[in-house]
Amino acid sequence: MPTLGITGGLATGKTYVTRWLADRGAIVFSADEAARAILGRGGATLQAIVSAFGAAMLTPEGDLDRARLGQRIFADPDARAVLNRI
């Protein structure tokens, strides 16, 4: 069975193509959905990020502040290495 990877920038049709394939029987795995699942409130991965980078990485609701974390790790290679280890 062939394995395909669907990649592309914002608004390029990735979701459309993925749904089209799923409607035709393809098994679909979304890395984005998997990442969101492990970063849920109270989860071990989110707690490890907070331990490493502080509570400032959380939104007021307790979710990961992706924008703030992104600013931190893309400005600091050492911070990016820590996140990659997590």
PDB file of N, CA and C in Angstrom:
ATOM      1  N   MET A   1       0.840  -1.162   0.000  1.00  0.00           N
ATOM      2  CA  MET A   1       0.000   0.000   0.000  1.00  0.00           C
ATOM      3  C   MET A   1       0.896   1.239   0.000  1.00  0.00           C
ATOM      4  N   PRO A   2       0.653   2.176  -0.890  1.00  0.00           N
ATOM      5  CA  PRO A   2       1.473   3.392  -0.925  1.00  0.00           C
ATOM      6  C   PRO A   2       1.238   4.274   0.305  1.00  0.00           C
ATOM      7  N   THR A   3       2.254   5.002   0.680  1.00  0.00           N
ATOM      8  CA  THR A   3       2.156   5.981   1.761  1.00  0.00           C
ATOM      9  C   THR A   3       2.400   7.358   1.150  1.00  0.00           C
ATOM     10  N   LEU A   4       1.490   8.277   1.434  1.00  0.00           N
ATOM     11  CA  LEU A   4       1.600   9.630   0.897  1.00  0.00           C
ATOM     12  C   LEU A   4       1.766  10.616   2.033  1.00  0.00           C
ATOM     13  N   GLY A   5       2.474  11.673   1.782  1.00  0.00           N
ATOM     14  CA  GLY A   5       2.582  12.784   2.728  1.00  0.00           C
ATOM     15  C   GLY A   5       1.988  14.013   2.072  1.00  0.00           C
ATOM     16  N   ILE A   6       1.079  14.658   2.744  1.00  0.00           N
ATOM     17  CA  ILE A   6       0.451  15.865   2.216  1.00  0.00           C
ATOM     18  C   ILE A   6       1.064  17.055   2.946  1.00  0.00           C
ATOM     19  N   THR A   7       1.736  17.923   2.214  1.00  0.00           N
ATOM     20  CA  THR A   7       2.363  19.096   2.803  1.00  0.00           C
ATOM     21  C   THR A   7       1.990  20.331   1.995  1.00  0.00           C
ATOM     22  N   GLY A   8       2.232  21.475   2.572  1.00  0.00           N
ATOM     23  CA  GLY A   8       1.987  22.733   1.872  1.00  0.00           C
ATOM     24  C   GLY A   8       1.727  23.847   2.855  1.00  0.00           C
ATOM     25  N   GLY A   9       1.711  25.038   2.334  1.00  0.00           N
ATOM     26  CA  GLY A   9       1.486  26.214   3.154  1.00  0.00           C
ATOM     27  C   GLY A   9       0.018  26.377   3.513  1.00  0.00           C
ATOM     28  N   LEU A  10      -0.279  27.498   4.141  1.00  0.00           N
ATOM     29  CA  LEU A  10      -1.654  27.815   4.519  1.00  0.00           C
ATOM     30  C   LEU A  10      -2.538  27.932   3.290  1.00  0.00           C
ATOM     31  N   ALA A  11      -3.751  27.412   3.409  1.00  0.00           N
ATOM     32  CA  ALA A  11      -4.786  27.552   2.373  1.00  0.00           C
ATOM     33  C   ALA A  11      -4.364  26.996   1.015  1.00  0.00           C
ATOM     34  N   THR A  12      -3.655  25.851   1.038  1.00  0.00           N
ATOM     35  CA  THR A  12      -3.244  25.238  -0.223  1.00  0.00           C
ATOM     36  C   THR A  12      -4.049  23.996  -0.574  1.00  0.00           C
ATOM     37  N   GLY A  13      -5.018  23.640   0.279  1.00  0.00           N
ATOM     38  CA  GLY A  13      -5.883  22.511  -0.034  1.00  0.00           C
ATOM     39  C   GLY A  13      -5.528  21.207   0.643  1.00  0.00           C
ATOM     40  N   LYS A  14      -4.652  21.240   1.642  1.00  0.00           N
ATOM     41  CA  LYS A  14      -4.264  20.002   2.322  1.00  0.00           C
ATOM     42  C   LYS A  14      -5.462  19.299   2.944  1.00  0.00           C
ATOM     43  N   THR A  15      -6.299  20.050   3.636  1.00  0.00           N
ATOM     44  CA  THR A  15      -7.474  19.460   4.283  1.00  0.00           C
ATOM     45  C   THR A  15      -8.423  18.897   3.242  1.00  0.00           C
ATOM     46  N   TYR A  16      -8.628  19.602   2.160  1.00  0.00           N
ATOM     47  CA  TYR A  16      -9.508  19.126   1.090  1.00  0.00           C
ATOM     48  C   TYR A  16      -9.004  17.792   0.537  1.00  0.00           C
ATOM     49  N   VAL A  17      -7.730  17.732   0.218  1.00  0.00           N
ATOM     50  CA  VAL A  17      -7.154  16.507  -0.354  1.00  0.00           C
ATOM     51  C   VAL A  17      -7.223  15.366   0.656  1.00  0.00           C
ATOM     52  N   THR A  18      -6.919  15.656   1.910  1.00  0.00           N
ATOM     53  CA  THR A  18      -6.963  14.624   2.944  1.00  0.00           C
ATOM     54  C   THR A  18      -8.378  14.067   3.097  1.00  0.00           C
ATOM     55  N   ARG A  19      -9.369  14.950   3.131  1.00  0.00           N
ATOM     56  CA  ARG A  19     -10.760  14.488   3.233  1.00  0.00           C
ATOM     57  C   ARG A  19     -11.159  13.687   1.999  1.00  0.00           C
ATOM     58  N   TRP A  20     -10.728  14.134   0.837  1.00  0.00           N
ATOM     59  CA  TRP A  20     -11.042  13.445  -0.408  1.00  0.00           C
ATOM     60  C   TRP A  20     -10.481  12.012  -0.366  1.00  0.00           C
ATOM     61  N   LEU A  21      -9.254  11.886   0.096  1.00  0.00           N
ATOM     62  CA  LEU A  21      -8.644  10.556   0.194  1.00  0.00           C
ATOM     63  C   LEU A  21      -9.363   9.700   1.237  1.00  0.00           C
ATOM     64  N   ALA A  22      -9.684  10.289   2.390  1.00  0.00           N
ATOM     65  CA  ALA A  22     -10.388   9.548   3.446  1.00  0.00           C
ATOM     66  C   ALA A  22     -11.750   9.078   2.964  1.00  0.00           C
ATOM     67  N   ASP A  23     -12.445   9.909   2.211  1.00  0.00           N
ATOM     68  CA  ASP A  23     -13.757   9.530   1.673  1.00  0.00           C
ATOM     69  C   ASP A  23     -13.660   8.340   0.730  1.00  0.00           C
ATOM     70  N   ARG A  24     -12.474   8.093   0.214  1.00  0.00           N
ATOM     71  CA  ARG A  24     -12.267   6.988  -0.707  1.00  0.00           C
ATOM     72  C   ARG A  24     -11.569   5.806  -0.049  1.00  0.00           C
ATOM     73  N   GLY A  25     -11.528   5.829   1.298  1.00  0.00           N
ATOM     74  CA  GLY A  25     -11.033   4.672   2.029  1.00  0.00           C
ATOM     75  C   GLY A  25      -9.608   4.760   2.523  1.00  0.00           C
ATOM     76  N   ALA A  26      -8.932   5.868   2.294  1.00  0.00           N
ATOM     77  CA  ALA A  26      -7.552   5.984   2.753  1.00  0.00           C
ATOM     78  C   ALA A  26      -7.513   6.117   4.280  1.00  0.00           C
ATOM     79  N   ILE A  27      -6.496   5.570   4.869  1.00  0.00           N
ATOM     80  CA  ILE A  27      -6.247   5.748   6.296  1.00  0.00           C
ATOM     81  C   ILE A  27      -5.460   7.049   6.427  1.00  0.00           C
ATOM     82  N   VAL A  28      -5.981   7.953   7.235  1.00  0.00           N
ATOM     83  CA  VAL A  28      -5.377   9.285   7.351  1.00  0.00           C
ATOM     84  C   VAL A  28      -4.826   9.474   8.759  1.00  0.00           C
ATOM     85  N   PHE A  29      -3.602   9.947   8.832  1.00  0.00           N
ATOM     86  CA  PHE A  29      -2.982  10.323  10.094  1.00  0.00           C
ATOM     87  C   PHE A  29      -2.594  11.789   9.989  1.00  0.00           C
ATOM     88  N   SER A  30      -3.021  12.592  10.937  1.00  0.00           N
ATOM     89  CA  SER A  30      -2.688  14.013  10.954  1.00  0.00           C
ATOM     90  C   SER A  30      -1.685  14.287  12.065  1.00  0.00           C
ATOM     91  N   ALA A  31      -0.493  14.687  11.686  1.00  0.00           N
ATOM     92  CA  ALA A  31       0.515  15.037  12.687  1.00  0.00           C
ATOM     93  C   ALA A  31       0.065  16.250  13.494  1.00  0.00           C
ATOM     94  N   ASP A  32      -0.653  17.173  12.851  1.00  0.00           N
ATOM     95  CA  ASP A  32      -1.158  18.344  13.582  1.00  0.00           C
ATOM     96  C   ASP A  32      -2.127  17.921  14.678  1.00  0.00           C
ATOM     97  N   GLU A  33      -3.037  17.023  14.362  1.00  0.00           N
ATOM     98  CA  GLU A  33      -4.003  16.559  15.361  1.00  0.00           C
ATOM     99  C   GLU A  33      -3.307  15.792  16.483  1.00  0.00           C
ATOM    100  N   ALA A  34      -2.316  15.002  16.141  1.00  0.00           N
ATOM    101  CA  ALA A  34      -1.578  14.252  17.158  1.00  0.00           C
ATOM    102  C   ALA A  34      -0.839  15.202  18.090  1.00  0.00           C
ATOM    103  N   ALA A  35      -0.225  16.241  17.525  1.00  0.00           N
ATOM    104  CA  ALA A  35       0.485  17.218  18.358  1.00  0.00           C
ATOM    105  C   ALA A  35      -0.479  17.945  19.278  1.00  0.00           C
ATOM    106  N   ARG A  36      -1.641  18.320  18.764  1.00  0.00           N
ATOM    107  CA  ARG A  36      -2.633  18.991  19.617  1.00  0.00           C
ATOM    108  C   ARG A  36      -3.091  18.068  20.749  1.00  0.00           C
ATOM    109  N   ALA A  37      -3.222  16.790  20.453  1.00  0.00           N
ATOM    110  CA  ALA A  37      -3.685  15.835  21.466  1.00  0.00           C
ATOM    111  C   ALA A  37      -2.690  15.712  22.611  1.00  0.00           C
ATOM    112  N   ILE A  38      -1.405  15.660  22.323  1.00  0.00           N
ATOM    113  CA  ILE A  38      -0.426  15.490  23.401  1.00  0.00           C
ATOM    114  C   ILE A  38      -0.144  16.788  24.139  1.00  0.00           C
ATOM    115  N   LEU A  39      -0.609  17.909  23.565  1.00  0.00           N
ATOM    116  CA  LEU A  39      -0.385  19.202  24.213  1.00  0.00           C
ATOM    117  C   LEU A  39      -1.620  19.708  24.946  1.00  0.00           C
ATOM    118  N   GLY A  40      -2.568  18.823  25.207  1.00  0.00           N
ATOM    119  CA  GLY A  40      -3.798  19.208  25.885  1.00  0.00           C
ATOM    120  C   GLY A  40      -3.564  19.615  27.326  1.00  0.00           C
ATOM    121  N   ARG A  41      -4.506  20.374  27.859  1.00  0.00           N
ATOM    122  CA  ARG A  41      -4.442  20.840  29.247  1.00  0.00           C
ATOM    123  C   ARG A  41      -4.219  19.667  30.205  1.00  0.00           C
ATOM    124  N   GLY A  42      -3.292  19.857  31.107  1.00  0.00           N
ATOM    125  CA  GLY A  42      -3.031  18.849  32.126  1.00  0.00           C
ATOM    126  C   GLY A  42      -2.159  17.700  31.660  1.00  0.00           C
ATOM    127  N   GLY A  43      -1.823  17.665  30.378  1.00  0.00           N
ATOM    128  CA  GLY A  43      -1.010  16.577  29.858  1.00  0.00           C
ATOM    129  C   GLY A  43       0.457  16.709  30.236  1.00  0.00           C
ATOM    130  N   ALA A  44       1.142  15.593  30.217  1.00  0.00           N
ATOM    131  CA  ALA A  44       2.546  15.563  30.628  1.00  0.00           C
ATOM    132  C   ALA A  44       3.433  16.416  29.728  1.00  0.00           C
ATOM    133  N   THR A  45       3.135  16.443  28.425  1.00  0.00           N
ATOM    134  CA  THR A  45       3.972  17.216  27.509  1.00  0.00           C
ATOM    135  C   THR A  45       3.820  18.711  27.772  1.00  0.00           C
ATOM    136  N   LEU A  46       2.580  19.157  27.966  1.00  0.00           N
ATOM    137  CA  LEU A  46       2.357  20.573  28.255  1.00  0.00           C
ATOM    138  C   LEU A  46       3.018  20.942  29.579  1.00  0.00           C
ATOM    139  N   GLN A  47       2.918  20.080  30.556  1.00  0.00           N
ATOM    140  CA  GLN A  47       3.547  20.350  31.849  1.00  0.00           C
ATOM    141  C   GLN A  47       5.069  20.433  31.713  1.00  0.00           C
ATOM    142  N   ALA A  48       5.651  19.607  30.872  1.00  0.00           N
ATOM    143  CA  ALA A  48       7.097  19.652  30.658  1.00  0.00           C
ATOM    144  C   ALA A  48       7.504  20.972  30.000  1.00  0.00           C
ATOM    145  N   ILE A  49       6.673  21.462  29.079  1.00  0.00           N
ATOM    146  CA  ILE A  49       6.953  22.749  28.439  1.00  0.00           C
ATOM    147  C   ILE A  49       6.880  23.871  29.465  1.00  0.00           C
ATOM    148  N   VAL A  50       5.871  23.839  30.316  1.00  0.00           N
ATOM    149  CA  VAL A  50       5.738  24.857  31.367  1.00  0.00           C
ATOM    150  C   VAL A  50       6.909  24.773  32.344  1.00  0.00           C
ATOM    151  N   SER A  51       7.332  23.581  32.681  1.00  0.00           N
ATOM    152  CA  SER A  51       8.480  23.427  33.579  1.00  0.00           C
ATOM    153  C   SER A  51       9.746  24.013  32.968  1.00  0.00           C
ATOM    154  N   ALA A  52       9.900  23.820  31.672  1.00  0.00           N
ATOM    155  CA  ALA A  52      11.115  24.291  31.000  1.00  0.00           C
ATOM    156  C   ALA A  52      11.083  25.786  30.701  1.00  0.00           C
ATOM    157  N   PHE A  53       9.912  26.325  30.339  1.00  0.00           N
ATOM    158  CA  PHE A  53       9.839  27.696  29.835  1.00  0.00           C
ATOM    159  C   PHE A  53       8.993  28.640  30.682  1.00  0.00           C
ATOM    160  N   GLY A  54       8.294  28.105  31.673  1.00  0.00           N
ATOM    161  CA  GLY A  54       7.499  28.951  32.550  1.00  0.00           C
ATOM    162  C   GLY A  54       6.037  29.029  32.168  1.00  0.00           C
ATOM    163  N   ALA A  55       5.230  29.479  33.127  1.00  0.00           N
ATOM    164  CA  ALA A  55       3.785  29.585  32.935  1.00  0.00           C
ATOM    165  C   ALA A  55       3.410  30.630  31.899  1.00  0.00           C
ATOM    166  N   ALA A  56       4.340  31.488  31.515  1.00  0.00           N
ATOM    167  CA  ALA A  56       4.069  32.480  30.469  1.00  0.00           C
ATOM    168  C   ALA A  56       3.772  31.812  29.122  1.00  0.00           C
ATOM    169  N   MET A  57       4.070  30.530  29.013  1.00  0.00           N
ATOM    170  CA  MET A  57       3.788  29.810  27.766  1.00  0.00           C
ATOM    171  C   MET A  57       2.329  29.369  27.672  1.00  0.00           C
ATOM    172  N   LEU A  58       1.548  29.676  28.701  1.00  0.00           N
ATOM    173  CA  LEU A  58       0.129  29.302  28.711  1.00  0.00           C
ATOM    174  C   LEU A  58      -0.755  30.511  28.449  1.00  0.00           C
ATOM    175  N   THR A  59      -1.890  30.253  27.810  1.00  0.00           N
ATOM    176  CA  THR A  59      -2.914  31.282  27.657  1.00  0.00           C
ATOM    177  C   THR A  59      -3.620  31.425  29.006  1.00  0.00           C
ATOM    178  N   PRO A  60      -4.429  32.472  29.161  1.00  0.00           N
ATOM    179  CA  PRO A  60      -5.192  32.593  30.412  1.00  0.00           C
ATOM    180  C   PRO A  60      -6.103  31.388  30.681  1.00  0.00           C
ATOM    181  N   GLU A  61      -6.502  30.680  29.627  1.00  0.00           N
ATOM    182  CA  GLU A  61      -7.359  29.503  29.786  1.00  0.00           C
ATOM    183  C   GLU A  61      -6.577  28.250  30.148  1.00  0.00           C
ATOM    184  N   GLY A  62      -5.243  28.305  30.076  1.00  0.00           N
ATOM    185  CA  GLY A  62      -4.422  27.154  30.421  1.00  0.00           C
ATOM    186  C   GLY A  62      -3.964  26.327  29.241  1.00  0.00           C
ATOM    187  N   ASP A  63      -4.196  26.818  28.034  1.00  0.00           N
ATOM    188  CA  ASP A  63      -3.727  26.131  26.829  1.00  0.00           C
ATOM    189  C   ASP A  63      -2.331  26.636  26.466  1.00  0.00           C
ATOM    190  N   LEU A  64      -1.657  25.898  25.619  1.00  0.00           N
ATOM    191  CA  LEU A  64      -0.350  26.326  25.145  1.00  0.00           C
ATOM    192  C   LEU A  64      -0.515  27.587  24.302  1.00  0.00           C
ATOM    193  N   ASP A  65       0.271  28.592  24.604  1.00  0.00           N
ATOM    194  CA  ASP A  65       0.312  29.804  23.784  1.00  0.00           C
ATOM    195  C   ASP A  65       1.345  29.555  22.690  1.00  0.00           C
ATOM    196  N   ARG A  66       0.876  29.015  21.592  1.00  0.00           N
ATOM    197  CA  ARG A  66       1.768  28.606  20.498  1.00  0.00           C
ATOM    198  C   ARG A  66       2.574  29.773  19.942  1.00  0.00           C
ATOM    199  N   ALA A  67       1.949  30.926  19.834  1.00  0.00           N
ATOM    200  CA  ALA A  67       2.652  32.097  19.298  1.00  0.00           C
ATOM    201  C   ALA A  67       3.808  32.491  20.213  1.00  0.00           C
ATOM    202  N   ARG A  68       3.550  32.538  21.513  1.00  0.00           N
ATOM    203  CA  ARG A  68       4.594  32.923  22.468  1.00  0.00           C
ATOM    204  C   ARG A  68       5.722  31.889  22.481  1.00  0.00           C
ATOM    205  N   LEU A  69       5.352  30.613  22.485  1.00  0.00           N
ATOM    206  CA  LEU A  69       6.386  29.573  22.458  1.00  0.00           C
ATOM    207  C   LEU A  69       7.196  29.669  21.172  1.00  0.00           C
ATOM    208  N   GLY A  70       6.516  29.890  20.052  1.00  0.00           N
ATOM    209  CA  GLY A  70       7.213  30.026  18.774  1.00  0.00           C
ATOM    210  C   GLY A  70       8.211  31.167  18.779  1.00  0.00           C
ATOM    211  N   GLN A  71       7.802  32.310  19.325  1.00  0.00           N
ATOM    212  CA  GLN A  71       8.719  33.451  19.414  1.00  0.00           C
ATOM    213  C   GLN A  71       9.958  33.089  20.216  1.00  0.00           C
ATOM    214  N   ARG A  72       9.727  32.362  21.286  1.00  0.00           N
ATOM    215  CA  ARG A  72      10.846  31.996  22.164  1.00  0.00           C
ATOM    216  C   ARG A  72      11.809  31.032  21.480  1.00  0.00           C
ATOM    217  N   ILE A  73      11.271  29.976  20.914  1.00  0.00           N
ATOM    218  CA  ILE A  73      12.173  28.939  20.386  1.00  0.00           C
ATOM    219  C   ILE A  73      12.829  29.329  19.066  1.00  0.00           C
ATOM    220  N   PHE A  74      12.176  30.186  18.286  1.00  0.00           N
ATOM    221  CA  PHE A  74      12.802  30.578  17.027  1.00  0.00           C
ATOM    222  C   PHE A  74      13.817  31.694  17.223  1.00  0.00           C
ATOM    223  N   ALA A  75      13.789  32.358  18.376  1.00  0.00           N
ATOM    224  CA  ALA A  75      14.772  33.388  18.683  1.00  0.00           C
ATOM    225  C   ALA A  75      15.977  32.823  19.439  1.00  0.00           C
ATOM    226  N   ASP A  76      15.843  31.601  19.951  1.00  0.00           N
ATOM    227  CA  ASP A  76      16.876  31.042  20.821  1.00  0.00           C
ATOM    228  C   ASP A  76      17.121  29.575  20.477  1.00  0.00           C
ATOM    229  N   PRO A  77      18.224  29.280  19.789  1.00  0.00           N
ATOM    230  CA  PRO A  77      18.505  27.886  19.411  1.00  0.00           C
ATOM    231  C   PRO A  77      18.584  26.929  20.596  1.00  0.00           C
ATOM    232  N   ASP A  78      19.060  27.411  21.731  1.00  0.00           N
ATOM    233  CA  ASP A  78      19.135  26.541  22.913  1.00  0.00           C
ATOM    234  C   ASP A  78      17.730  26.182  23.399  1.00  0.00           C
ATOM    235  N   ALA A  79      16.824  27.158  23.392  1.00  0.00           N
ATOM    236  CA  ALA A  79      15.434  26.898  23.784  1.00  0.00           C
ATOM    237  C   ALA A  79      14.790  25.923  22.814  1.00  0.00           C
ATOM    238  N   ARG A  80      15.091  26.063  21.527  1.00  0.00           N
ATOM    239  CA  ARG A  80      14.553  25.143  20.522  1.00  0.00           C
ATOM    240  C   ARG A  80      15.044  23.727  20.780  1.00  0.00           C
ATOM    241  N   ALA A  81      16.293  23.594  21.173  1.00  0.00           N
ATOM    242  CA  ALA A  81      16.853  22.267  21.477  1.00  0.00           C
ATOM    243  C   ALA A  81      16.136  21.653  22.683  1.00  0.00           C
ATOM    244  N   VAL A  82      15.838  22.484  23.683  1.00  0.00           N
ATOM    245  CA  VAL A  82      15.108  21.987  24.857  1.00  0.00           C
ATOM    246  C   VAL A  82      13.723  21.486  24.430  1.00  0.00           C
ATOM    247  N   LEU A  83      13.023  22.279  23.640  1.00  0.00           N
ATOM    248  CA  LEU A  83      11.696  21.868  23.167  1.00  0.00           C
ATOM    249  C   LEU A  83      11.780  20.586  22.342  1.00  0.00           C
ATOM    250  N   ASN A  84      12.764  20.470  21.492  1.00  0.00           N
ATOM    251  CA  ASN A  84      12.912  19.257  20.681  1.00  0.00           C
ATOM    252  C   ASN A  84      13.143  18.035  21.552  1.00  0.00           C
ATOM    253  N   ARG A  85      13.838  18.195  22.659  1.00  0.00           N
ATOM    254  CA  ARG A  85      14.047  17.067  23.575  1.00  0.00           C
ATOM    255  C   ARG A  85      12.734  16.671  24.273  1.00  0.00           C
ATOM    256  N   ILE A  86      11.918  17.680  24.568  1.00  0.00           N
ATOM    257  CA  ILE A  86      10.639  17.384  25.210  1.00  0.00           C
ATOM    258  C   ILE A  86       9.786  16.578  24.251  1.00  0.00           C
TER     259      ILE A  86
END
